[in-house]
Amino acid sequence: MKRNSSTRSLVILGLMTAILIVFSFTPIGTIPIGPLSITLNIIPVAIAAAALGPAGGAAMGAVFGLLSFLQCLGIGIPSGMGATLFSINPFLAFVQRFVPRLLDGFLVGLIFRGCEKTIGYKPAGFITGFFSAFLNTLFFMSALILLFGNTEYVQGLMGGKNVIAFVCAFVGVNAVFEMIVSTIVTGGVVLALYKAKLLPIAKKA
């Protein structure tokens, strides 16, 4: 049983990693809008978190964060903001790109496990998809303000707005689109995995 479980975990991790790489190196997973991009990369992170728990979510979040940082270097789909932040401070640019995605994957793994045990796996998948996108945006923008808020670049983007107004204006459409898509796709995939009996159904608390 443990061997089958380990094999299943490796297969899911490998598949989600492959999808993340395709999303990061082709236009399929990124829709550029101004200095930001609508990304679908949070979906494989959410699916891994639901299927494998916090550890699996953190692993996929780490892969997402690393690929996101590589975009700052022009590897994959280039990121204008990432390139600018890298030119200001390469280390902080790495932290800003990597840590939020790692935390996102870990936390949504916890969210799925908690929801699965209390309200069942069917709504848990959709909730996990929503929070994967929501937390990704929250952590990404929080890290941007915390690490680069005093730079001329970010101050120029803010244009005199307060932090809340800036964040809402800057990522409003992007965040809403990502949350909707992530909620629907993640929930649908998680349901499919359970129906295919690839994931065990946990008993409600």
C-alpha atoms as a PDB file:
ATOM      1  CA  MET A   1       0.000   0.000   0.000  1.00  0.00           C
ATOM      2  CA  LYS A   2       2.797   2.409   0.914  1.00  0.00           C
ATOM      3  CA  ARG A   3       4.596   1.601  -2.325  1.00  0.00           C
ATOM      4  CA  ASN A   4       1.457   2.315  -4.341  1.00  0.00           C
ATOM      5  CA  SER A   5       0.933   5.543  -2.416  1.00  0.00           C
ATOM      6  CA  SER A   6       4.520   6.654  -3.040  1.00  0.00           C
ATOM      7  CA  THR A   7       4.217   5.842  -6.736  1.00  0.00           C
ATOM      8  CA  ARG A   8       0.966   7.794  -6.966  1.00  0.00           C
ATOM      9  CA  SER A   9       2.558  10.778  -5.234  1.00  0.00           C
ATOM     10  CA  LEU A  10       5.555  10.740  -7.561  1.00  0.00           C
ATOM     11  CA  VAL A  11       3.307  10.514 -10.610  1.00  0.00           C
ATOM     12  CA  ILE A  12       1.190  13.463  -9.459  1.00  0.00           C
ATOM     13  CA  LEU A  13       4.261  15.547  -8.596  1.00  0.00           C
ATOM     14  CA  GLY A  14       5.855  14.735 -11.931  1.00  0.00           C
ATOM     15  CA  LEU A  15       2.708  15.561 -13.869  1.00  0.00           C
ATOM     16  CA  MET A  16       2.089  18.839 -12.043  1.00  0.00           C
ATOM     17  CA  THR A  17       5.747  19.828 -12.461  1.00  0.00           C
ATOM     18  CA  ALA A  18       5.539  19.134 -16.193  1.00  0.00           C
ATOM     19  CA  ILE A  19       2.409  21.288 -16.449  1.00  0.00           C
ATOM     20  CA  LEU A  20       4.108  24.096 -14.520  1.00  0.00           C
ATOM     21  CA  ILE A  21       7.097  23.984 -16.858  1.00  0.00           C
ATOM     22  CA  VAL A  22       4.845  24.125 -19.920  1.00  0.00           C
ATOM     23  CA  PHE A  23       2.912  27.028 -18.401  1.00  0.00           C
ATOM     24  CA  SER A  24       6.133  28.892 -17.577  1.00  0.00           C
ATOM     25  CA  PHE A  25       7.935  28.370 -20.876  1.00  0.00           C
ATOM     26  CA  THR A  26       5.025  28.832 -23.274  1.00  0.00           C
ATOM     27  CA  PRO A  27       2.245  31.442 -23.557  1.00  0.00           C
ATOM     28  CA  ILE A  28      -0.305  28.809 -22.462  1.00  0.00           C
ATOM     29  CA  GLY A  29      -0.053  29.606 -18.765  1.00  0.00           C
ATOM     30  CA  THR A  30       0.517  33.360 -18.828  1.00  0.00           C
ATOM     31  CA  ILE A  31      -1.638  36.221 -20.056  1.00  0.00           C
ATOM     32  CA  PRO A  32       0.366  39.485 -19.852  1.00  0.00           C
ATOM     33  CA  ILE A  33      -1.587  42.588 -18.807  1.00  0.00           C
ATOM     34  CA  GLY A  34       0.602  45.644 -18.249  1.00  0.00           C
ATOM     35  CA  PRO A  35       3.419  45.067 -15.757  1.00  0.00           C
ATOM     36  CA  LEU A  36       1.648  42.029 -14.288  1.00  0.00           C
ATOM     37  CA  SER A  37       0.453  38.764 -15.814  1.00  0.00           C
ATOM     38  CA  ILE A  38      -2.580  36.619 -15.232  1.00  0.00           C
ATOM     39  CA  THR A  39      -1.066  33.246 -14.386  1.00  0.00           C
ATOM     40  CA  LEU A  40      -2.555  29.766 -14.413  1.00  0.00           C
ATOM     41  CA  ASN A  41       0.447  28.361 -12.553  1.00  0.00           C
ATOM     42  CA  ILE A  42      -1.408  28.392  -9.257  1.00  0.00           C
ATOM     43  CA  ILE A  43      -3.692  25.601 -10.528  1.00  0.00           C
ATOM     44  CA  PRO A  44      -1.072  22.784 -10.506  1.00  0.00           C
ATOM     45  CA  VAL A  45      -0.001  24.008  -7.059  1.00  0.00           C
ATOM     46  CA  ALA A  46      -3.577  23.761  -5.795  1.00  0.00           C
ATOM     47  CA  ILE A  47      -4.083  20.300  -7.300  1.00  0.00           C
ATOM     48  CA  ALA A  48      -0.841  19.011  -5.767  1.00  0.00           C
ATOM     49  CA  ALA A  49      -1.834  20.493  -2.405  1.00  0.00           C
ATOM     50  CA  ALA A  50      -5.214  18.770  -2.551  1.00  0.00           C
ATOM     51  CA  ALA A  51      -3.788  15.453  -3.683  1.00  0.00           C
ATOM     52  CA  LEU A  52      -0.656  15.315  -1.548  1.00  0.00           C
ATOM     53  CA  GLY A  53      -1.267  17.665   1.359  1.00  0.00           C
ATOM     54  CA  PRO A  54       0.909  20.513   2.671  1.00  0.00           C
ATOM     55  CA  ALA A  55       4.193  18.819   1.711  1.00  0.00           C
ATOM     56  CA  GLY A  56       3.079  18.270  -1.883  1.00  0.00           C
ATOM     57  CA  GLY A  57       1.682  21.785  -2.077  1.00  0.00           C
ATOM     58  CA  ALA A  58       4.916  23.251  -0.734  1.00  0.00           C
ATOM     59  CA  ALA A  59       6.947  21.233  -3.256  1.00  0.00           C
ATOM     60  CA  MET A  60       4.858  22.513  -6.161  1.00  0.00           C
ATOM     61  CA  GLY A  61       4.908  26.017  -4.715  1.00  0.00           C
ATOM     62  CA  ALA A  62       8.700  25.840  -4.630  1.00  0.00           C
ATOM     63  CA  VAL A  63       8.793  24.767  -8.286  1.00  0.00           C
ATOM     64  CA  PHE A  64       6.419  27.610  -9.180  1.00  0.00           C
ATOM     65  CA  GLY A  65       8.528  30.095  -7.227  1.00  0.00           C
ATOM     66  CA  LEU A  66      11.752  28.970  -8.897  1.00  0.00           C
ATOM     67  CA  LEU A  67      10.237  29.155 -12.380  1.00  0.00           C
ATOM     68  CA  SER A  68       8.800  32.573 -11.548  1.00  0.00           C
ATOM     69  CA  PHE A  69      12.258  33.787 -10.527  1.00  0.00           C
ATOM     70  CA  LEU A  70      13.788  32.452 -13.740  1.00  0.00           C
ATOM     71  CA  GLN A  71      11.327  34.648 -15.637  1.00  0.00           C
ATOM     72  CA  CYS A  72      13.084  37.632 -14.041  1.00  0.00           C
ATOM     73  CA  LEU A  73      16.170  36.511 -15.967  1.00  0.00           C
ATOM     74  CA  GLY A  74      14.281  36.209 -19.231  1.00  0.00           C
ATOM     75  CA  ILE A  75      14.062  32.413 -19.001  1.00  0.00           C
ATOM     76  CA  GLY A  76      10.605  31.296 -20.052  1.00  0.00           C
ATOM     77  CA  ILE A  77       7.953  33.979 -20.456  1.00  0.00           C
ATOM     78  CA  PRO A  78       9.800  37.225 -19.569  1.00  0.00           C
ATOM     79  CA  SER A  79       8.506  39.342 -16.698  1.00  0.00           C
ATOM     80  CA  GLY A  80       9.032  43.085 -17.028  1.00  0.00           C
ATOM     81  CA  MET A  81       8.424  43.649 -13.348  1.00  0.00           C
ATOM     82  CA  GLY A  82      10.633  40.734 -12.384  1.00  0.00           C
ATOM     83  CA  ALA A  83      13.509  42.016 -14.532  1.00  0.00           C
ATOM     84  CA  THR A  84      13.236  45.457 -12.943  1.00  0.00           C
ATOM     85  CA  LEU A  85      13.154  44.075  -9.406  1.00  0.00           C
ATOM     86  CA  PHE A  86      16.130  41.838 -10.193  1.00  0.00           C
ATOM     87  CA  SER A  87      18.098  44.847 -11.386  1.00  0.00           C
ATOM     88  CA  ILE A  88      17.342  46.602  -8.087  1.00  0.00           C
ATOM     89  CA  ASN A  89      18.216  43.690  -5.786  1.00  0.00           C
ATOM     90  CA  PRO A  90      18.640  40.112  -7.120  1.00  0.00           C
ATOM     91  CA  PHE A  91      18.364  38.447  -3.693  1.00  0.00           C
ATOM     92  CA  LEU A  92      15.204  40.272  -2.670  1.00  0.00           C
ATOM     93  CA  ALA A  93      13.758  39.588  -6.110  1.00  0.00           C
ATOM     94  CA  PHE A  94      14.287  35.873  -5.491  1.00  0.00           C
ATOM     95  CA  VAL A  95      12.663  36.090  -2.053  1.00  0.00           C
ATOM     96  CA  GLN A  96       9.710  38.042  -3.482  1.00  0.00           C
ATOM     97  CA  ARG A  97       9.149  35.469  -6.213  1.00  0.00           C
ATOM     98  CA  PHE A  98       9.914  32.260  -4.323  1.00  0.00           C
ATOM     99  CA  VAL A  99       8.726  32.512  -0.724  1.00  0.00           C
ATOM    100  CA  PRO A 100       5.089  33.577  -1.409  1.00  0.00           C
ATOM    101  CA  ARG A 101       4.578  30.588  -3.747  1.00  0.00           C
ATOM    102  CA  LEU A 102       6.113  28.159  -1.255  1.00  0.00           C
ATOM    103  CA  LEU A 103       3.858  29.445   1.539  1.00  0.00           C
ATOM    104  CA  ASP A 104       0.838  29.388  -0.760  1.00  0.00           C
ATOM    105  CA  GLY A 105       1.302  25.715  -1.603  1.00  0.00           C
ATOM    106  CA  PHE A 106       1.862  24.716   2.016  1.00  0.00           C
ATOM    107  CA  LEU A 107      -1.134  26.636   3.368  1.00  0.00           C
ATOM    108  CA  VAL A 108      -3.625  25.507   0.727  1.00  0.00           C
ATOM    109  CA  GLY A 109      -2.574  21.945   1.522  1.00  0.00           C
ATOM    110  CA  LEU A 110      -3.616  22.580   5.111  1.00  0.00           C
ATOM    111  CA  ILE A 111      -6.822  24.257   3.947  1.00  0.00           C
ATOM    112  CA  PHE A 112      -7.793  21.276   1.802  1.00  0.00           C
ATOM    113  CA  ARG A 113      -7.094  18.769   4.576  1.00  0.00           C
ATOM    114  CA  GLY A 114      -9.154  20.793   7.037  1.00  0.00           C
ATOM    115  CA  CYS A 115     -12.075  21.284   4.642  1.00  0.00           C
ATOM    116  CA  GLU A 116     -12.000  17.660   3.504  1.00  0.00           C
ATOM    117  CA  LYS A 117     -12.410  16.414   7.062  1.00  0.00           C
ATOM    118  CA  THR A 118     -15.128  18.899   8.049  1.00  0.00           C
ATOM    119  CA  ILE A 119     -17.289  19.446   4.948  1.00  0.00           C
ATOM    120  CA  GLY A 120     -16.098  16.756   2.534  1.00  0.00           C
ATOM    121  CA  TYR A 121     -13.807  16.551  -0.502  1.00  0.00           C
ATOM    122  CA  LYS A 122     -16.336  17.872  -3.032  1.00  0.00           C
ATOM    123  CA  PRO A 123     -16.454  21.493  -1.808  1.00  0.00           C
ATOM    124  CA  ALA A 124     -12.879  21.232  -0.471  1.00  0.00           C
ATOM    125  CA  GLY A 125     -11.409  21.127  -3.977  1.00  0.00           C
ATOM    126  CA  PHE A 126     -13.174  24.314  -5.044  1.00  0.00           C
ATOM    127  CA  ILE A 127     -12.252  26.090  -1.804  1.00  0.00           C
ATOM    128  CA  THR A 128      -8.626  25.074  -2.256  1.00  0.00           C
ATOM    129  CA  GLY A 129      -8.591  26.426  -5.809  1.00  0.00           C
ATOM    130  CA  PHE A 130      -9.955  29.751  -4.631  1.00  0.00           C
ATOM    131  CA  PHE A 131      -7.476  30.140  -1.801  1.00  0.00           C
ATOM    132  CA  SER A 132      -4.534  29.111  -3.971  1.00  0.00           C
ATOM    133  CA  ALA A 133      -5.183  32.131  -6.202  1.00  0.00           C
ATOM    134  CA  PHE A 134      -6.181  34.433  -3.344  1.00  0.00           C
ATOM    135  CA  LEU A 135      -3.156  33.682  -1.161  1.00  0.00           C
ATOM    136  CA  ASN A 136      -0.788  33.820  -4.114  1.00  0.00           C
ATOM    137  CA  THR A 137      -1.923  37.366  -4.869  1.00  0.00           C
ATOM    138  CA  LEU A 138      -1.942  38.383  -1.200  1.00  0.00           C
ATOM    139  CA  PHE A 139       1.555  37.057  -0.495  1.00  0.00           C
ATOM    140  CA  PHE A 140       3.010  38.266  -3.803  1.00  0.00           C
ATOM    141  CA  MET A 141       1.804  41.827  -3.341  1.00  0.00           C
ATOM    142  CA  SER A 142       2.663  41.853   0.379  1.00  0.00           C
ATOM    143  CA  ALA A 143       6.226  40.803  -0.428  1.00  0.00           C
ATOM    144  CA  LEU A 144       6.416  43.414  -3.185  1.00  0.00           C
ATOM    145  CA  ILE A 145       5.376  46.219  -0.830  1.00  0.00           C
ATOM    146  CA  LEU A 146       7.470  44.937   2.085  1.00  0.00           C
ATOM    147  CA  LEU A 147      10.687  44.381   0.115  1.00  0.00           C
ATOM    148  CA  PHE A 148      10.461  47.009  -2.622  1.00  0.00           C
ATOM    149  CA  GLY A 149       7.861  49.504  -1.384  1.00  0.00           C
ATOM    150  CA  ASN A 150      10.417  52.248  -0.828  1.00  0.00           C
ATOM    151  CA  THR A 151      12.040  51.923  -4.246  1.00  0.00           C
ATOM    152  CA  GLU A 152      11.496  54.522  -6.940  1.00  0.00           C
ATOM    153  CA  TYR A 153      10.039  51.842  -9.215  1.00  0.00           C
ATOM    154  CA  VAL A 154       7.253  50.740  -6.877  1.00  0.00           C
ATOM    155  CA  GLN A 155       6.597  54.283  -5.687  1.00  0.00           C
ATOM    156  CA  GLY A 156       6.077  55.210  -9.326  1.00  0.00           C
ATOM    157  CA  LEU A 157       3.600  52.364  -9.764  1.00  0.00           C
ATOM    158  CA  MET A 158       1.722  53.455  -6.661  1.00  0.00           C
ATOM    159  CA  GLY A 159       1.388  56.999  -7.968  1.00  0.00           C
ATOM    160  CA  GLY A 160       0.651  58.439  -4.548  1.00  0.00           C
ATOM    161  CA  LYS A 161      -2.078  55.885  -3.716  1.00  0.00           C
ATOM    162  CA  ASN A 162      -2.199  54.240  -0.327  1.00  0.00           C
ATOM    163  CA  VAL A 163      -1.240  50.574  -0.172  1.00  0.00           C
ATOM    164  CA  ILE A 164      -4.778  49.152  -0.221  1.00  0.00           C
ATOM    165  CA  ALA A 165      -5.902  51.344  -3.122  1.00  0.00           C
ATOM    166  CA  PHE A 166      -2.729  50.498  -5.040  1.00  0.00           C
ATOM    167  CA  VAL A 167      -3.112  46.736  -4.586  1.00  0.00           C
ATOM    168  CA  CYS A 168      -6.796  46.769  -5.553  1.00  0.00           C
ATOM    169  CA  ALA A 169      -6.139  48.851  -8.661  1.00  0.00           C
ATOM    170  CA  PHE A 170      -2.991  46.962  -9.620  1.00  0.00           C
ATOM    171  CA  VAL A 171      -4.225  43.373  -9.422  1.00  0.00           C
ATOM    172  CA  GLY A 172      -8.009  43.723  -9.333  1.00  0.00           C
ATOM    173  CA  VAL A 173      -8.937  42.196 -12.701  1.00  0.00           C
ATOM    174  CA  ASN A 174      -6.015  39.773 -12.657  1.00  0.00           C
ATOM    175  CA  ALA A 175      -6.833  38.463  -9.195  1.00  0.00           C
ATOM    176  CA  VAL A 176     -10.550  38.015  -9.868  1.00  0.00           C
ATOM    177  CA  PHE A 177      -9.881  36.131 -13.104  1.00  0.00           C
ATOM    178  CA  GLU A 178      -7.296  33.894 -11.445  1.00  0.00           C
ATOM    179  CA  MET A 179      -9.604  33.105  -8.515  1.00  0.00           C
ATOM    180  CA  ILE A 180     -12.514  32.174 -10.785  1.00  0.00           C
ATOM    181  CA  VAL A 181     -10.457  29.958 -13.082  1.00  0.00           C
ATOM    182  CA  SER A 182      -8.496  28.332 -10.254  1.00  0.00           C
ATOM    183  CA  THR A 183     -11.666  27.607  -8.274  1.00  0.00           C
ATOM    184  CA  ILE A 184     -13.445  25.949 -11.201  1.00  0.00           C
ATOM    185  CA  VAL A 185     -10.512  24.002 -12.636  1.00  0.00           C
ATOM    186  CA  THR A 186      -9.054  22.823  -9.327  1.00  0.00           C
ATOM    187  CA  GLY A 187     -12.446  21.751  -8.007  1.00  0.00           C
ATOM    188  CA  GLY A 188     -13.209  19.852 -11.218  1.00  0.00           C
ATOM    189  CA  VAL A 189      -9.850  18.068 -11.298  1.00  0.00           C
ATOM    190  CA  VAL A 190     -10.046  17.090  -7.629  1.00  0.00           C
ATOM    191  CA  LEU A 191     -13.522  15.637  -8.162  1.00  0.00           C
ATOM    192  CA  ALA A 192     -12.217  13.682 -11.154  1.00  0.00           C
ATOM    193  CA  LEU A 193      -9.309  12.296  -9.121  1.00  0.00           C
ATOM    194  CA  TYR A 194     -11.668  11.068  -6.407  1.00  0.00           C
ATOM    195  CA  LYS A 195     -14.117   9.568  -8.881  1.00  0.00           C
ATOM    196  CA  ALA A 196     -11.215   7.746 -10.538  1.00  0.00           C
ATOM    197  CA  LYS A 197     -10.305   6.463  -7.054  1.00  0.00           C
ATOM    198  CA  LEU A 198      -6.830   7.959  -7.333  1.00  0.00           C
ATOM    199  CA  LEU A 199      -7.335   9.714  -4.011  1.00  0.00           C
ATOM    200  CA  PRO A 200      -8.686   8.160  -0.795  1.00  0.00           C
ATOM    201  CA  ILE A 201     -11.821   9.674   0.698  1.00  0.00           C
ATOM    202  CA  ALA A 202     -11.168  10.953   4.202  1.00  0.00           C
ATOM    203  CA  LYS A 203     -13.790  10.464   6.873  1.00  0.00           C
ATOM    204  CA  LYS A 204     -15.453  13.634   8.153  1.00  0.00           C
ATOM    205  CA  ALA A 205     -14.539  14.713  11.652  1.00  0.00           C
END
